[in-house]
Amino acid sequence: MIILLPEEQYKKYYMCEPIHKSNLENTYYKVRCYYNAKTELYDRTLTDEREPWDNTSAFIYNGYIRKLSNEYAIYLYRFCKHVLSSQEPHQKFDYNMWKSTNNNRYKAQYWIDEYERLKSNGELNFIKKYKQ
C-alpha cells in the first residue's frame, strides 16, 4: 500500500533545503560583482584590443593605459572596501571573503552580465548612497 503525503510534508521529509549564503557573503558577492564589472568595462573604454583566448576581455599592453587601469582598480577597490565596511559596521573588512568571492573560472563577460542582472533587479541600489 502506497501512502501519499501532502506536498508540504513530502518536501519536509524527502527534499533537502537549499543552501543559502549568509547576508554578509551575499553582500560581498554583489560588491565583488560590481568591482569586476566596472573595472572590465573601464578597461574596454581604454582599448579596443581583446584577449586572444577571450574576445570579451580587454587586453592592455601600453604602459600608460595600464597605469590608468591600475589606478582606477585601486580607487574602486578602496570604494568597495568603504561600502562593505559601512554595510557591516561591527565587522572589519574581510580580505579572505573578498578574495574568495572572485571566482576566476568566470570570464569577464560573466561578471558584466551578472552586474546587469543585479542592477536591473535593484540589488545594487545600496551602493548608490556611497557614491559622491
C-alpha atoms as a PDB file:
ATOM      1  CA  MET A   1       0.000   0.000   0.000  1.00  0.00           C
ATOM      2  CA  ILE A   2       1.405   3.394  -1.016  1.00  0.00           C
ATOM      3  CA  ILE A   3       0.713   6.369   1.212  1.00  0.00           C
ATOM      4  CA  LEU A   4       0.741   9.741  -0.487  1.00  0.00           C
ATOM      5  CA  LEU A   5       1.887  12.653   1.613  1.00  0.00           C
ATOM      6  CA  PRO A   6       0.680  16.202   1.198  1.00  0.00           C
ATOM      7  CA  GLU A   7       3.152  18.348  -0.727  1.00  0.00           C
ATOM      8  CA  GLU A   8       4.474  20.216   2.336  1.00  0.00           C
ATOM      9  CA  GLN A   9       5.181  17.002   4.230  1.00  0.00           C
ATOM     10  CA  TYR A  10       6.783  15.446   1.166  1.00  0.00           C
ATOM     11  CA  LYS A  11       9.130  18.378   0.830  1.00  0.00           C
ATOM     12  CA  LYS A  12       9.863  18.345   4.548  1.00  0.00           C
ATOM     13  CA  TYR A  13      10.817  14.690   4.655  1.00  0.00           C
ATOM     14  CA  TYR A  14      12.314  13.979   1.268  1.00  0.00           C
ATOM     15  CA  MET A  15      13.825  17.167  -0.086  1.00  0.00           C
ATOM     16  CA  CYS A  16      16.912  18.967   1.079  1.00  0.00           C
ATOM     17  CA  GLU A  17      16.616  22.587   1.998  1.00  0.00           C
ATOM     18  CA  PRO A  18      18.531  24.856  -0.359  1.00  0.00           C
ATOM     19  CA  ILE A  19      21.809  26.147   0.951  1.00  0.00           C
ATOM     20  CA  HIS A  20      21.682  29.897   1.433  1.00  0.00           C
ATOM     21  CA  LYS A  21      24.684  32.106   1.772  1.00  0.00           C
ATOM     22  CA  SER A  22      24.743  34.463   4.688  1.00  0.00           C
ATOM     23  CA  ASN A  23      23.757  38.082   4.140  1.00  0.00           C
ATOM     24  CA  LEU A  24      27.389  39.064   4.537  1.00  0.00           C
ATOM     25  CA  GLU A  25      28.526  36.633   1.827  1.00  0.00           C
ATOM     26  CA  ASN A  26      25.782  37.879  -0.484  1.00  0.00           C
ATOM     27  CA  THR A  27      26.856  41.470   0.108  1.00  0.00           C
ATOM     28  CA  TYR A  28      30.495  40.621  -0.627  1.00  0.00           C
ATOM     29  CA  TYR A  29      29.444  38.801  -3.795  1.00  0.00           C
ATOM     30  CA  LYS A  30      27.365  41.748  -5.026  1.00  0.00           C
ATOM     31  CA  VAL A  31      30.097  44.280  -4.324  1.00  0.00           C
ATOM     32  CA  ARG A  32      32.695  41.999  -5.921  1.00  0.00           C
ATOM     33  CA  CYS A  33      30.470  41.683  -8.976  1.00  0.00           C
ATOM     34  CA  TYR A  34      30.202  45.481  -9.088  1.00  0.00           C
ATOM     35  CA  TYR A  35      34.011  45.785  -8.833  1.00  0.00           C
ATOM     36  CA  ASN A  36      34.798  43.169 -11.501  1.00  0.00           C
ATOM     37  CA  ALA A  37      32.247  44.506 -13.970  1.00  0.00           C
ATOM     38  CA  LYS A  38      33.185  48.169 -13.512  1.00  0.00           C
ATOM     39  CA  THR A  39      36.916  47.533 -13.885  1.00  0.00           C
ATOM     40  CA  GLU A  40      36.366  45.432 -17.018  1.00  0.00           C
ATOM     41  CA  LEU A  41      34.029  47.991 -18.567  1.00  0.00           C
ATOM     42  CA  TYR A  42      36.567  50.726 -17.813  1.00  0.00           C
ATOM     43  CA  ASP A  43      39.343  48.683 -19.414  1.00  0.00           C
ATOM     44  CA  ARG A  44      37.189  48.248 -22.503  1.00  0.00           C
ATOM     45  CA  THR A  45      36.911  52.017 -22.819  1.00  0.00           C
ATOM     46  CA  LEU A  46      40.697  52.311 -22.730  1.00  0.00           C
ATOM     47  CA  THR A  47      41.476  49.883 -25.545  1.00  0.00           C
ATOM     48  CA  ASP A  48      39.988  48.040 -28.485  1.00  0.00           C
ATOM     49  CA  GLU A  49      42.422  45.144 -28.064  1.00  0.00           C
ATOM     50  CA  ARG A  50      40.948  41.854 -26.828  1.00  0.00           C
ATOM     51  CA  GLU A  51      42.497  38.800 -25.214  1.00  0.00           C
ATOM     52  CA  PRO A  52      43.293  36.094 -27.799  1.00  0.00           C
ATOM     53  CA  TRP A  53      41.506  33.380 -25.766  1.00  0.00           C
ATOM     54  CA  ASP A  54      38.565  35.573 -24.673  1.00  0.00           C
ATOM     55  CA  ASN A  55      37.382  38.201 -27.129  1.00  0.00           C
ATOM     56  CA  THR A  56      35.191  39.869 -24.471  1.00  0.00           C
ATOM     57  CA  SER A  57      38.123  40.672 -22.177  1.00  0.00           C
ATOM     58  CA  ALA A  58      40.159  43.827 -22.738  1.00  0.00           C
ATOM     59  CA  PHE A  59      43.891  43.457 -23.305  1.00  0.00           C
ATOM     60  CA  ILE A  60      46.136  46.313 -22.198  1.00  0.00           C
ATOM     61  CA  TYR A  61      49.801  46.320 -23.151  1.00  0.00           C
ATOM     62  CA  ASN A  62      50.541  50.054 -23.295  1.00  0.00           C
ATOM     63  CA  GLY A  63      52.279  51.199 -20.083  1.00  0.00           C
ATOM     64  CA  TYR A  64      50.353  54.451 -19.717  1.00  0.00           C
ATOM     65  CA  ILE A  65      46.979  52.802 -20.316  1.00  0.00           C
ATOM     66  CA  ARG A  66      47.878  50.000 -17.901  1.00  0.00           C
ATOM     67  CA  LYS A  67      48.679  52.684 -15.294  1.00  0.00           C
ATOM     68  CA  LEU A  68      45.249  54.266 -15.817  1.00  0.00           C
ATOM     69  CA  SER A  69      43.602  50.868 -15.472  1.00  0.00           C
ATOM     70  CA  ASN A  70      45.506  50.065 -12.280  1.00  0.00           C
ATOM     71  CA  GLU A  71      44.725  53.465 -10.737  1.00  0.00           C
ATOM     72  CA  TYR A  72      41.020  53.005 -11.419  1.00  0.00           C
ATOM     73  CA  ALA A  73      41.098  49.470  -9.991  1.00  0.00           C
ATOM     74  CA  ILE A  74      42.789  50.730  -6.802  1.00  0.00           C
ATOM     75  CA  TYR A  75      40.279  53.581  -6.468  1.00  0.00           C
ATOM     76  CA  LEU A  76      37.356  51.197  -6.978  1.00  0.00           C
ATOM     77  CA  TYR A  77      38.809  48.651  -4.530  1.00  0.00           C
ATOM     78  CA  ARG A  78      39.023  51.334  -1.833  1.00  0.00           C
ATOM     79  CA  PHE A  79      35.465  52.403  -2.607  1.00  0.00           C
ATOM     80  CA  CYS A  80      34.250  48.791  -2.327  1.00  0.00           C
ATOM     81  CA  LYS A  81      36.077  48.380   0.995  1.00  0.00           C
ATOM     82  CA  HIS A  82      34.299  51.502   2.245  1.00  0.00           C
ATOM     83  CA  VAL A  83      30.913  50.177   1.108  1.00  0.00           C
ATOM     84  CA  LEU A  84      31.467  46.800   2.760  1.00  0.00           C
ATOM     85  CA  SER A  85      32.736  48.381   5.991  1.00  0.00           C
ATOM     86  CA  SER A  86      29.704  50.664   6.075  1.00  0.00           C
ATOM     87  CA  GLN A  87      27.249  47.835   5.397  1.00  0.00           C
ATOM     88  CA  GLU A  88      28.519  45.833   8.356  1.00  0.00           C
ATOM     89  CA  PRO A  89      29.837  48.446  10.807  1.00  0.00           C
ATOM     90  CA  HIS A  90      30.581  45.901  13.538  1.00  0.00           C
ATOM     91  CA  GLN A  91      32.680  43.816  11.106  1.00  0.00           C
ATOM     92  CA  LYS A  92      36.091  44.689   9.743  1.00  0.00           C
ATOM     93  CA  PHE A  93      36.731  44.259   6.042  1.00  0.00           C
ATOM     94  CA  ASP A  94      37.329  40.549   5.448  1.00  0.00           C
ATOM     95  CA  TYR A  95      40.023  40.264   2.785  1.00  0.00           C
ATOM     96  CA  ASN A  96      39.721  36.456   2.659  1.00  0.00           C
ATOM     97  CA  MET A  97      35.993  36.654   1.911  1.00  0.00           C
ATOM     98  CA  TRP A  98      36.668  39.350  -0.695  1.00  0.00           C
ATOM     99  CA  LYS A  99      39.267  37.141  -2.329  1.00  0.00           C
ATOM    100  CA  SER A 100      37.087  34.013  -2.204  1.00  0.00           C
ATOM    101  CA  THR A 101      34.198  35.748  -3.985  1.00  0.00           C
ATOM    102  CA  ASN A 102      36.394  36.336  -7.035  1.00  0.00           C
ATOM    103  CA  ASN A 103      35.846  33.143  -8.947  1.00  0.00           C
ATOM    104  CA  ASN A 104      38.497  33.176 -11.672  1.00  0.00           C
ATOM    105  CA  ARG A 105      36.737  30.451 -13.625  1.00  0.00           C
ATOM    106  CA  TYR A 106      34.259  33.050 -14.816  1.00  0.00           C
ATOM    107  CA  LYS A 107      35.069  35.103 -17.859  1.00  0.00           C
ATOM    108  CA  ALA A 108      34.891  38.886 -17.824  1.00  0.00           C
ATOM    109  CA  GLN A 109      31.579  38.861 -19.642  1.00  0.00           C
ATOM    110  CA  TYR A 110      30.018  36.747 -16.870  1.00  0.00           C
ATOM    111  CA  TRP A 111      30.680  39.493 -14.317  1.00  0.00           C
ATOM    112  CA  ILE A 112      29.267  42.154 -16.626  1.00  0.00           C
ATOM    113  CA  ASP A 113      26.132  40.109 -17.299  1.00  0.00           C
ATOM    114  CA  GLU A 114      25.732  39.371 -13.580  1.00  0.00           C
ATOM    115  CA  TYR A 115      26.219  43.062 -12.774  1.00  0.00           C
ATOM    116  CA  GLU A 116      23.499  43.996 -15.266  1.00  0.00           C
ATOM    117  CA  ARG A 117      21.162  41.375 -13.786  1.00  0.00           C
ATOM    118  CA  LEU A 118      21.741  42.540 -10.209  1.00  0.00           C
ATOM    119  CA  LYS A 119      21.415  46.166 -11.232  1.00  0.00           C
ATOM    120  CA  SER A 120      18.135  45.566 -13.081  1.00  0.00           C
ATOM    121  CA  ASN A 121      16.726  43.735 -10.037  1.00  0.00           C
ATOM    122  CA  GLY A 122      17.657  46.658  -7.799  1.00  0.00           C
ATOM    123  CA  GLU A 123      20.033  44.508  -5.748  1.00  0.00           C
ATOM    124  CA  LEU A 124      22.878  47.009  -6.136  1.00  0.00           C
ATOM    125  CA  ASN A 125      20.883  50.057  -5.053  1.00  0.00           C
ATOM    126  CA  PHE A 126      22.623  50.080  -1.664  1.00  0.00           C
ATOM    127  CA  ILE A 127      25.868  51.117  -3.412  1.00  0.00           C
ATOM    128  CA  LYS A 128      24.321  54.330  -4.782  1.00  0.00           C
ATOM    129  CA  LYS A 129      24.234  56.045  -1.392  1.00  0.00           C
ATOM    130  CA  TYR A 130      28.036  55.816  -1.096  1.00  0.00           C
ATOM    131  CA  LYS A 131      28.789  57.446  -4.448  1.00  0.00           C
ATOM    132  CA  GLN A 132      29.861  61.062  -4.338  1.00  0.00           C
END
